[in-house]
Amino acid sequence: MAVSNINTIINHDIQKVWSIVLAIDRYTLWRSDVSKTEIINDEQFIEYTKNGYATTFTVTVVEPYKRWEFDMENSNMKGHWIGIFTDKGNATEIDFTEHVIPKKRFMKPFVKAYLKKQQKQFVIDVKKALE
């Protein structure tokens, strides 16, 4: 299993950060790695990469303005994502952790680096969306 974590401060209040991260239907407006999203129901959605590759997400925990968790799966991996949001007044601390199990053996050495890259890009995209 590969585990990757990113922790940073975003200079916007928690309501703004929470609302942008959880607005799945608006991801295509600000995420540089997503071509479309499909909301199945209150607990499930699908993200499609720019190349059309689908990943299904199943929400497992929602504690408004505190915690968002989901399971994720596609043909290459399965895993769990934990997002912790901490109010810092006019700023928000985010702490995102992904636990991923690659389904293909040859992918094992590359998973952690890939996750780090994805997490870094997600934070860059969130910050840009809030400008």
C-alpha atoms as a PDB file:
ATOM      1  CA  MET A   1       0.000   0.000   0.000  1.00  0.00           C
ATOM      2  CA  ALA A   2       1.207   3.495  -0.862  1.00  0.00           C
ATOM      3  CA  VAL A   3       0.396   6.362   1.491  1.00  0.00           C
ATOM      4  CA  SER A   4       0.734   9.994   0.510  1.00  0.00           C
ATOM      5  CA  ASN A   5      -0.041  13.101   2.540  1.00  0.00           C
ATOM      6  CA  ILE A   6      -0.162  16.817   1.848  1.00  0.00           C
ATOM      7  CA  ASN A   7      -0.639  19.455   4.511  1.00  0.00           C
ATOM      8  CA  THR A   8      -0.792  23.170   3.804  1.00  0.00           C
ATOM      9  CA  ILE A   9      -2.442  26.439   4.723  1.00  0.00           C
ATOM     10  CA  ILE A  10      -4.829  28.069   2.261  1.00  0.00           C
ATOM     11  CA  ASN A  11      -5.360  31.784   2.863  1.00  0.00           C
ATOM     12  CA  HIS A  12      -9.145  31.659   2.689  1.00  0.00           C
ATOM     13  CA  ASP A  13     -11.794  30.955   5.307  1.00  0.00           C
ATOM     14  CA  ILE A  14     -12.924  27.394   5.857  1.00  0.00           C
ATOM     15  CA  GLN A  15     -16.394  27.942   4.340  1.00  0.00           C
ATOM     16  CA  LYS A  16     -14.863  28.924   0.981  1.00  0.00           C
ATOM     17  CA  VAL A  17     -12.309  26.124   0.972  1.00  0.00           C
ATOM     18  CA  TRP A  18     -14.873  23.503   2.021  1.00  0.00           C
ATOM     19  CA  SER A  19     -17.428  24.636  -0.535  1.00  0.00           C
ATOM     20  CA  ILE A  20     -14.993  24.551  -3.460  1.00  0.00           C
ATOM     21  CA  VAL A  21     -13.489  21.163  -2.576  1.00  0.00           C
ATOM     22  CA  LEU A  22     -16.909  19.549  -2.119  1.00  0.00           C
ATOM     23  CA  ALA A  23     -18.586  21.114  -5.191  1.00  0.00           C
ATOM     24  CA  ILE A  24     -17.998  18.040  -7.343  1.00  0.00           C
ATOM     25  CA  ASP A  25     -20.316  19.321 -10.070  1.00  0.00           C
ATOM     26  CA  ARG A  26     -17.990  22.327 -10.547  1.00  0.00           C
ATOM     27  CA  TYR A  27     -14.665  20.465 -10.732  1.00  0.00           C
ATOM     28  CA  THR A  28     -14.361  21.003 -14.474  1.00  0.00           C
ATOM     29  CA  LEU A  29     -14.284  24.767 -13.843  1.00  0.00           C
ATOM     30  CA  TRP A  30     -11.098  24.660 -11.784  1.00  0.00           C
ATOM     31  CA  ARG A  31      -9.443  21.235 -11.763  1.00  0.00           C
ATOM     32  CA  SER A  32      -6.722  20.942 -14.393  1.00  0.00           C
ATOM     33  CA  ASP A  33      -6.828  17.121 -14.383  1.00  0.00           C
ATOM     34  CA  VAL A  34     -10.589  16.513 -14.741  1.00  0.00           C
ATOM     35  CA  SER A  35     -12.589  16.554 -17.971  1.00  0.00           C
ATOM     36  CA  LYS A  36     -15.979  15.798 -16.389  1.00  0.00           C
ATOM     37  CA  THR A  37     -17.708  14.526 -13.285  1.00  0.00           C
ATOM     38  CA  GLU A  38     -20.808  12.424 -12.986  1.00  0.00           C
ATOM     39  CA  ILE A  39     -22.788  12.476  -9.742  1.00  0.00           C
ATOM     40  CA  ILE A  40     -24.483   9.103  -9.231  1.00  0.00           C
ATOM     41  CA  ASN A  41     -26.167   9.882  -5.893  1.00  0.00           C
ATOM     42  CA  ASP A  42     -25.375  11.566  -2.556  1.00  0.00           C
ATOM     43  CA  GLU A  43     -22.625   9.046  -1.836  1.00  0.00           C
ATOM     44  CA  GLN A  44     -21.125   8.271  -5.244  1.00  0.00           C
ATOM     45  CA  PHE A  45     -19.548  10.167  -8.096  1.00  0.00           C
ATOM     46  CA  ILE A  46     -17.230   9.475 -11.002  1.00  0.00           C
ATOM     47  CA  GLU A  47     -14.338  11.647 -12.126  1.00  0.00           C
ATOM     48  CA  TYR A  48     -12.956  11.456 -15.643  1.00  0.00           C
ATOM     49  CA  THR A  49      -9.399  12.501 -16.457  1.00  0.00           C
ATOM     50  CA  LYS A  50      -8.622  14.617 -19.511  1.00  0.00           C
ATOM     51  CA  ASN A  51      -8.012  11.276 -21.297  1.00  0.00           C
ATOM     52  CA  GLY A  52     -11.450   9.968 -20.281  1.00  0.00           C
ATOM     53  CA  TYR A  53     -10.179   7.553 -17.607  1.00  0.00           C
ATOM     54  CA  ALA A  54     -12.864   7.023 -14.935  1.00  0.00           C
ATOM     55  CA  THR A  55     -12.456   6.689 -11.175  1.00  0.00           C
ATOM     56  CA  THR A  56     -15.441   5.962  -8.933  1.00  0.00           C
ATOM     57  CA  PHE A  57     -15.633   7.597  -5.508  1.00  0.00           C
ATOM     58  CA  THR A  58     -17.875   6.487  -2.642  1.00  0.00           C
ATOM     59  CA  VAL A  59     -18.207   9.014   0.175  1.00  0.00           C
ATOM     60  CA  THR A  60     -17.860   7.394   3.602  1.00  0.00           C
ATOM     61  CA  VAL A  61     -17.662  10.388   5.991  1.00  0.00           C
ATOM     62  CA  VAL A  62     -18.897  13.972   5.833  1.00  0.00           C
ATOM     63  CA  GLU A  63     -18.411  16.187   8.877  1.00  0.00           C
ATOM     64  CA  PRO A  64     -19.108  19.705   7.557  1.00  0.00           C
ATOM     65  CA  TYR A  65     -16.117  22.029   7.721  1.00  0.00           C
ATOM     66  CA  LYS A  66     -14.028  19.303   9.392  1.00  0.00           C
ATOM     67  CA  ARG A  67     -13.678  16.015   7.532  1.00  0.00           C
ATOM     68  CA  TRP A  68     -14.479  14.420   4.169  1.00  0.00           C
ATOM     69  CA  GLU A  69     -13.572  10.816   3.356  1.00  0.00           C
ATOM     70  CA  PHE A  70     -14.186   8.498   0.463  1.00  0.00           C
ATOM     71  CA  ASP A  71     -13.195   5.195  -1.064  1.00  0.00           C
ATOM     72  CA  MET A  72     -11.931   5.317  -4.638  1.00  0.00           C
ATOM     73  CA  GLU A  73     -11.467   2.710  -7.304  1.00  0.00           C
ATOM     74  CA  ASN A  74     -10.610   2.299 -10.953  1.00  0.00           C
ATOM     75  CA  SER A  75      -9.036  -0.454 -13.027  1.00  0.00           C
ATOM     76  CA  ASN A  76      -5.529   0.411 -11.765  1.00  0.00           C
ATOM     77  CA  MET A  77      -6.043   0.995  -8.050  1.00  0.00           C
ATOM     78  CA  LYS A  78      -8.323   1.098  -5.051  1.00  0.00           C
ATOM     79  CA  GLY A  79      -7.929   3.166  -1.954  1.00  0.00           C
ATOM     80  CA  HIS A  80      -9.208   5.608   0.620  1.00  0.00           C
ATOM     81  CA  TRP A  81      -8.870   9.388   0.881  1.00  0.00           C
ATOM     82  CA  ILE A  82      -9.126  11.418   4.087  1.00  0.00           C
ATOM     83  CA  GLY A  83      -9.460  15.194   4.013  1.00  0.00           C
ATOM     84  CA  ILE A  84      -9.189  17.123   7.271  1.00  0.00           C
ATOM     85  CA  PHE A  85     -10.032  20.825   7.287  1.00  0.00           C
ATOM     86  CA  THR A  86      -9.011  23.039  10.232  1.00  0.00           C
ATOM     87  CA  ASP A  87     -10.302  26.568  10.731  1.00  0.00           C
ATOM     88  CA  LYS A  88      -7.442  29.026  11.222  1.00  0.00           C
ATOM     89  CA  GLY A  89      -9.539  32.215  11.231  1.00  0.00           C
ATOM     90  CA  ASN A  90      -9.019  33.817   7.819  1.00  0.00           C
ATOM     91  CA  ALA A  91      -7.134  30.730   6.641  1.00  0.00           C
ATOM     92  CA  THR A  92      -7.722  26.997   6.461  1.00  0.00           C
ATOM     93  CA  GLU A  93      -5.318  24.170   7.117  1.00  0.00           C
ATOM     94  CA  ILE A  94      -5.909  21.187   4.867  1.00  0.00           C
ATOM     95  CA  ASP A  95      -4.483  17.767   5.565  1.00  0.00           C
ATOM     96  CA  PHE A  96      -5.186  15.236   2.820  1.00  0.00           C
ATOM     97  CA  THR A  97      -4.054  11.611   3.050  1.00  0.00           C
ATOM     98  CA  GLU A  98      -4.449   8.913   0.414  1.00  0.00           C
ATOM     99  CA  HIS A  99      -3.998   5.192   0.957  1.00  0.00           C
ATOM    100  CA  VAL A 100      -3.768   3.376  -2.371  1.00  0.00           C
ATOM    101  CA  ILE A 101      -3.305  -0.238  -3.363  1.00  0.00           C
ATOM    102  CA  PRO A 102      -2.237  -0.702  -6.979  1.00  0.00           C
ATOM    103  CA  LYS A 103      -4.063  -3.477  -8.820  1.00  0.00           C
ATOM    104  CA  LYS A 104      -1.196  -4.073 -11.216  1.00  0.00           C
ATOM    105  CA  ARG A 105       2.113  -5.239  -9.832  1.00  0.00           C
ATOM    106  CA  PHE A 106       4.265  -3.216 -12.222  1.00  0.00           C
ATOM    107  CA  MET A 107       2.667   0.015 -10.942  1.00  0.00           C
ATOM    108  CA  LYS A 108       3.794  -0.440  -7.336  1.00  0.00           C
ATOM    109  CA  PRO A 109       7.070   1.505  -7.606  1.00  0.00           C
ATOM    110  CA  PHE A 110       5.358   4.508  -9.233  1.00  0.00           C
ATOM    111  CA  VAL A 111       2.218   4.927  -7.122  1.00  0.00           C
ATOM    112  CA  LYS A 112       3.585   7.112  -4.319  1.00  0.00           C
ATOM    113  CA  ALA A 113       5.258   9.563  -6.710  1.00  0.00           C
ATOM    114  CA  TYR A 114       2.063   9.731  -8.786  1.00  0.00           C
ATOM    115  CA  LEU A 115      -0.055  10.425  -5.684  1.00  0.00           C
ATOM    116  CA  LYS A 116       2.323  13.179  -4.533  1.00  0.00           C
ATOM    117  CA  LYS A 117       2.113  14.814  -7.960  1.00  0.00           C
ATOM    118  CA  GLN A 118      -1.699  14.602  -7.978  1.00  0.00           C
ATOM    119  CA  GLN A 119      -1.998  16.035  -4.474  1.00  0.00           C
ATOM    120  CA  LYS A 120       0.324  18.914  -5.286  1.00  0.00           C
ATOM    121  CA  GLN A 121      -1.666  19.749  -8.431  1.00  0.00           C
ATOM    122  CA  PHE A 122      -4.970  19.569  -6.528  1.00  0.00           C
ATOM    123  CA  VAL A 123      -3.723  22.134  -3.984  1.00  0.00           C
ATOM    124  CA  ILE A 124      -2.426  24.415  -6.765  1.00  0.00           C
ATOM    125  CA  ASP A 125      -5.815  24.171  -8.499  1.00  0.00           C
ATOM    126  CA  VAL A 126      -7.746  24.912  -5.277  1.00  0.00           C
ATOM    127  CA  LYS A 127      -5.627  27.980  -4.578  1.00  0.00           C
ATOM    128  CA  LYS A 128      -6.085  29.263  -8.148  1.00  0.00           C
ATOM    129  CA  ALA A 129      -9.855  28.709  -7.957  1.00  0.00           C
ATOM    130  CA  LEU A 130     -10.010  30.808  -4.795  1.00  0.00           C
ATOM    131  CA  GLU A 131      -8.114  33.775  -6.275  1.00  0.00           C
END
